[in-house]
Every structure is written in C-alpha cells, then in structure tokens.
Amino acid sequence: MIATTVIEVGIDVPNATVMLIENAERFGLAQLHQLRGRIGRGAHKSYCILIPSTDEPETMEKLKIMEATTNGFEIAEADLRLRGPGDLLGTAQSGLPPLKLGDLFRDADLMKLARNHAFLVFERDPHLEQPEHAGCRKLLANAGQAIMSEVS
C-alpha cells in the first residue's frame, strides 16, 4: 500500500508488517510515532524503516530517538527538548522562548513552587491591592502589550 500521512489517524490493517517512510526528517517525532503505530497490530513481527534525505545531526538524533523507544511519553519529552516548547503564552508552537526566569527542564520544581505561590497571593489579595503587589497589578494591567515570558 502506498499512502499519504492520512493513515496516521486510524487505518487498521492488522497484518501490515512493513512501513517505509522516505524523507523521514520532514515529519515530527509525534507524527513518526503515530505512523509507526499503524503496523505491527497483528501477530507478526513488524518493521518501520525511516529513510532520511539528509544526515544532518538534528535529523540523525531524531531518528535515533525513534529507534531507541516506542514509549510515547519519552518521545514527547525528546521532542520538547529538540524543538523547544514555543511561546507558552503566545502562538509559537516550537522554538525556545525568550524566558529570562529559568530553564523549563532544570527548574521545573522551582516553577511549580512559584505557581503555587502566585495562587496563594491571588487567594489572599485577589485584586492585588496590597502595596507589595503593585508591580504585579501594573504588569497584569499592561499584559496585552507585554510578552509575559520576557518579564524580568
């Protein structure tokens, strides 16, 4: 069978055992994972062959990830590391944000703590009327003009 990527969302041919994907670097890790999931649904061993059209380091790293795991969560984490999270509060779906506050991977626990503290502040002072919250009140009042990830 020769197909477009429409097969990634539901074609079920249980006895399909081989998938060949040319120009594999053109696909994201999640899409490659979905495509690979279309084969091997029956009792027979299956093979997914990924053929890149380039041997650039980024391409080879992506393909090594696909070779190393079939775990969707590990693939998603690797994709996040490779492509970046994008702008958490904007529209960019990939790339590294201009985050001045920390590293999303290394500082995840600290960011959770900061988030919990922010909720506590709003619980105690929902309108940010206390003097120590004036900076936050001003920032939020101008939020439409600011890129929140660039707050220093």
Protein backbone atom coordinates (compact mmCIF):
# COMPACT_ATOMS: atom_id res chain seq x y z
CA MET A 1 0.00 0.00 0.00
CA ILE A 2 1.23 3.49 -0.81
CA ALA A 3 -0.39 6.24 1.25
CA THR A 4 -0.15 9.79 2.47
CA THR A 5 0.04 10.65 6.17
CA VAL A 6 -3.74 10.33 6.39
CA ILE A 7 -3.01 6.77 7.52
CA GLU A 8 -1.63 8.04 10.82
CA VAL A 9 -5.13 8.58 12.21
CA GLY A 10 -6.90 5.31 12.01
CA ILE A 11 -6.10 2.92 9.19
CA ASP A 12 -6.11 -0.54 10.75
CA VAL A 13 -4.58 -3.29 8.63
CA PRO A 14 -3.63 -5.86 11.30
CA ASN A 15 -1.37 -7.90 9.01
CA ALA A 16 0.69 -4.93 7.77
CA THR A 17 4.26 -5.66 8.83
CA VAL A 18 6.50 -3.19 6.98
CA MET A 19 6.35 0.57 6.69
CA LEU A 20 8.91 2.59 4.76
CA ILE A 21 8.98 6.34 5.34
CA GLU A 22 11.10 8.34 2.93
CA ASN A 23 12.34 11.80 3.86
CA ALA A 24 11.66 10.92 7.49
CA GLU A 25 13.17 14.20 8.68
CA ARG A 26 10.15 16.03 7.28
CA PHE A 27 7.96 14.56 9.99
CA GLY A 28 7.85 15.39 13.67
CA LEU A 29 8.55 12.77 16.30
CA ALA A 30 4.89 12.53 17.29
CA GLN A 31 3.84 12.03 13.69
CA LEU A 32 6.51 9.36 13.13
CA HIS A 33 5.33 7.62 16.30
CA GLN A 34 1.73 7.68 15.06
CA LEU A 35 2.73 6.37 11.65
CA ARG A 36 4.79 3.59 13.15
CA GLY A 37 1.77 2.61 15.24
CA ARG A 38 -0.16 1.67 12.08
CA ILE A 39 1.88 -1.51 11.63
CA GLY A 40 2.50 -4.50 13.84
CA ARG A 41 -1.08 -4.77 15.01
CA GLY A 42 -1.28 -8.46 14.16
CA ALA A 43 0.64 -11.48 15.38
CA HIS A 44 3.63 -10.98 13.06
CA LYS A 45 6.82 -9.03 13.77
CA SER A 46 6.82 -5.63 12.09
CA TYR A 47 9.42 -3.17 10.83
CA CYS A 48 9.30 0.58 10.34
CA ILE A 49 12.11 1.81 8.10
CA LEU A 50 12.89 5.52 8.30
CA ILE A 51 14.95 6.85 5.42
CA PRO A 52 16.24 10.41 5.75
CA SER A 53 17.27 12.53 2.79
CA THR A 54 19.98 14.21 4.87
CA ASP A 55 22.46 13.15 7.52
CA GLU A 56 22.38 16.39 9.49
CA PRO A 57 22.95 15.89 13.23
CA GLU A 58 19.42 17.03 14.15
CA THR A 59 17.90 14.53 11.74
CA MET A 60 20.03 11.68 12.98
CA GLU A 61 19.22 12.49 16.61
CA LYS A 62 15.51 12.41 15.84
CA LEU A 63 15.81 9.05 14.14
CA LYS A 64 17.91 7.65 17.00
CA ILE A 65 15.09 8.55 19.38
CA MET A 66 12.62 6.67 17.21
CA GLU A 67 14.97 3.68 17.19
CA ALA A 68 15.51 3.74 20.96
CA THR A 69 11.93 3.80 22.22
CA THR A 70 8.29 3.15 21.44
CA ASN A 71 7.16 4.96 24.59
CA GLY A 72 5.05 7.95 23.55
CA PHE A 73 5.87 9.93 26.70
CA GLU A 74 9.62 9.55 26.14
CA ILE A 75 9.18 10.59 22.51
CA ALA A 76 7.15 13.66 23.56
CA GLU A 77 9.83 14.69 26.08
CA ALA A 78 12.56 14.26 23.47
CA ASP A 79 10.54 16.32 21.00
CA LEU A 80 10.18 19.06 23.61
CA ARG A 81 13.94 19.07 24.17
CA LEU A 82 14.72 19.12 20.43
CA ARG A 83 12.15 21.63 19.19
CA GLY A 84 11.56 23.67 22.32
CA PRO A 85 8.24 24.49 23.94
CA GLY A 86 7.38 27.52 21.85
CA ASP A 87 5.91 30.58 23.48
CA LEU A 88 3.92 29.34 26.46
CA LEU A 89 1.70 32.41 26.44
CA GLY A 90 1.74 33.17 22.73
CA THR A 91 1.24 31.48 19.40
CA ALA A 92 4.64 29.95 18.54
CA GLN A 93 4.36 26.16 18.61
CA SER A 94 8.07 25.42 18.70
CA GLY A 95 11.37 27.11 19.39
CA LEU A 96 12.82 28.39 22.59
CA PRO A 97 11.00 31.23 24.31
CA PRO A 98 12.94 34.25 25.50
CA LEU A 99 12.39 33.05 29.08
CA LYS A 100 14.52 35.07 31.46
CA LEU A 101 13.27 33.32 34.58
CA GLY A 102 14.80 29.89 34.22
CA ASP A 103 15.21 26.68 32.30
CA LEU A 104 11.97 24.75 31.75
CA PHE A 105 13.66 21.39 32.32
CA ARG A 106 16.12 22.16 35.09
CA ASP A 107 13.84 24.49 37.07
CA ALA A 108 10.51 22.66 36.78
CA ASP A 109 10.18 22.17 40.56
CA LEU A 110 11.00 25.81 41.24
CA MET A 111 8.43 26.92 38.65
CA LYS A 112 5.76 24.75 40.29
CA LEU A 113 6.60 26.36 43.63
CA ALA A 114 6.33 29.82 42.07
CA ARG A 115 2.98 28.91 40.50
CA ASN A 116 1.64 27.72 43.87
CA HIS A 117 2.86 30.95 45.48
CA ALA A 118 1.10 33.01 42.79
CA PHE A 119 -2.17 31.20 43.50
CA LEU A 120 -1.70 31.90 47.21
CA VAL A 121 -1.13 35.61 46.52
CA PHE A 122 -4.34 35.82 44.47
CA GLU A 123 -6.24 33.90 47.13
CA ARG A 124 -5.17 36.38 49.82
CA ASP A 125 -5.27 39.55 47.67
CA PRO A 126 -7.48 38.87 44.61
CA HIS A 127 -7.37 42.49 43.39
CA LEU A 128 -3.67 42.95 44.17
CA GLU A 129 -4.42 45.97 46.32
CA GLN A 130 -1.64 45.46 48.86
CA PRO A 131 1.41 47.67 48.24
CA GLU A 132 3.77 44.72 47.79
CA HIS A 133 1.62 43.54 44.84
CA ALA A 134 1.62 46.87 42.96
CA GLY A 135 4.22 45.62 40.45
CA CYS A 136 2.13 42.55 39.63
CA ARG A 137 -1.02 44.69 39.31
CA LYS A 138 0.76 47.03 36.87
CA LEU A 139 2.18 44.10 34.85
CA LEU A 140 -1.24 42.47 34.53
CA ALA A 141 -2.88 45.79 33.60
CA ASN A 142 -0.42 46.05 30.69
CA ALA A 143 -0.44 42.32 29.85
CA GLY A 144 -1.97 42.92 26.43
CA GLN A 145 1.15 44.80 25.37
CA ALA A 146 3.75 42.62 27.12
CA ILE A 147 5.20 39.26 26.22
CA MET A 148 4.80 37.58 29.56
CA SER A 149 7.75 35.21 29.10
CA GLU A 150 10.04 38.24 28.75
CA VAL A 151 9.22 39.65 32.19
CA SER A 152 12.42 40.24 34.11
